[in-house]
Amino acid sequence: MPLYFIITGAKYQERMMLMNNKKLIKSLINLVVLSFIGKFLSLLARLSMARAIKIEAMSYFSIINPLMVLLLNLSQFGLPLACSTLIAKHPNKTKKLFVSALLISISISLLLMALIYILAPYIANNLLNSKGATLATYGLGLLIPLVALSSMLKALYIGKGDVKATTYSTIAEESTRIIFIVFFISFFSNKGPEYGALGAVIGMAIGEVGQSLFLYLKAPKKAKKDCFYWLIANENDDPACAIELVKISLPITIARLIGSLTYCLEPVIYTNMLKGLLDTAEITRNYGVLTGYVMPLLLMPGFFATALSNYLLPKMSNFVENKNIKEAKNIFVKLTLFCLTLGFIFSIVLFFGSSLIMNILYGTTIGSQYIKILAFPFLIYYVEAPIITAMHAIGKTKSALRSTIISSIFRILVLVIFVKRLNIYAVALSTILSAGLDILLNLIDVTTFLKRQNV
């Protein structure tokens, strides 16, 4: 072959690689901007809610949050991630995979809804030691099936590689919540803190409705017209697809359930072990300030990390499936470094501006001391999403389950040992140390896999 053609071909390949990199960077920047808008609206909704319902109601809402996470993980059963992964790998099975996943998730959600309406008083009074949280616990029954529906719709778009649509849907969700807060939250908050906490849960449910409507309207006309037929058509009732979904979702669900069960036990252990040492109202208030005001600020960059990871999961899965491990590694490294850099910048801002930021956002400096202490330790959270994404892409869900079990047991032990000595700081300490252990174990698995592939 003439030298001219060899050089020209090499230049063409180099140019194409450069164009692909530019396209990837442009897509990432667009996604970051949209994610920022979505997160800003989420923060605005949370701030508006916190100002409207006050600290006592926010404390009731915060203390049921771990229970809410547990119930949502149960209802979703790991199916959104399993569905999006399988749709990315097998586009020809999209309808069957989506219908199977949706029917399973909705069925579980309706069962959980019934259980919540039966057990809400017992959970609030006996487990959480917070009678004022009873109404908000009832509200979870409404929220669960709506989250299940919106999660499955998002999984469909993510599997098809249209993550931008899911980011727009988050903007729609938060916009709907803000409208509810502006026009309706005062109706609840004026009735007392218990109703204020209930209004916060209903606001979340209304946001999920807005998100689902957006994703439905965004779908092609034919899909909108045929969507109900999909659900009742026997041709989409495929047990093989259901089994395939469950094979992936079950380890994910067990891992998440262990994590969320640990999170659910957190307020139970915290409130019961400090009962008698501190006033009940102070215990609830401290927990509400940390988990309702401080942690959402500390974890804000985690939203961008999750959005970027969701965007790149199908690409990484395809590269691994096609044995192109080098490209999968490049995506993983770039994603991890980007998330860590973003988190570091954010931590600096929070550390030096904690009092000012709390005063501007919440109208109080209560909790600013928590931010100063926790800003840099929480950096560990910003690399969690890329590492978890890599674990799923390389098919290490069982290893992820093992890591979650170990770190969850460790979290409970740290909380039990230190809660009487450190009070509310024991909650933050157990959260950080367990996350660090989980990430370390998963990172070892990812690097071991890459070394075995000689990458």
Foldseek 3Di string as FASTA:
>chain_A
DDPVVVVVVVVVVVVVVVVVVVVVVVVLVVLLVLLVLLLVLVLVLLLLLCQQQDLLLLLLLLLCVLVLLLLLLQLQLQLLVLLLQVCLVPVVLNLLLLLLSLVSSLVRLQVVLVVQVVCLQVCQCPQLVHNLNSLLSNLSSLQRNLSNLLSSLCSSCLSVLNLVLLSVLSSQLSVQLNVCSVPPLNVQSVVDSSSSSNSVSVSNSRSSVRSNVSSLVPDDPVCNVCVVVSNPPPVSNDVVSNVSSNVLSNLVSLLSNLVSVLVSCLSSLQQVVCVVVDDSSVLSSLSSCCRSPQVCLLCSLLSSLQSLLSSCLSVLLVCVVVLVNVVSVVSLVVSLVVLLVVLVVSLVCLQVCLQVVCCVRNVGSVCSVVSNVCSVLSSLSSNLSSLVSLCVSNPNSNQLSVLSNVLSVQLNVQLNVCCVPPPPVSNVVSVSVSSNSSSVSSVVVNVVVCVVSVD
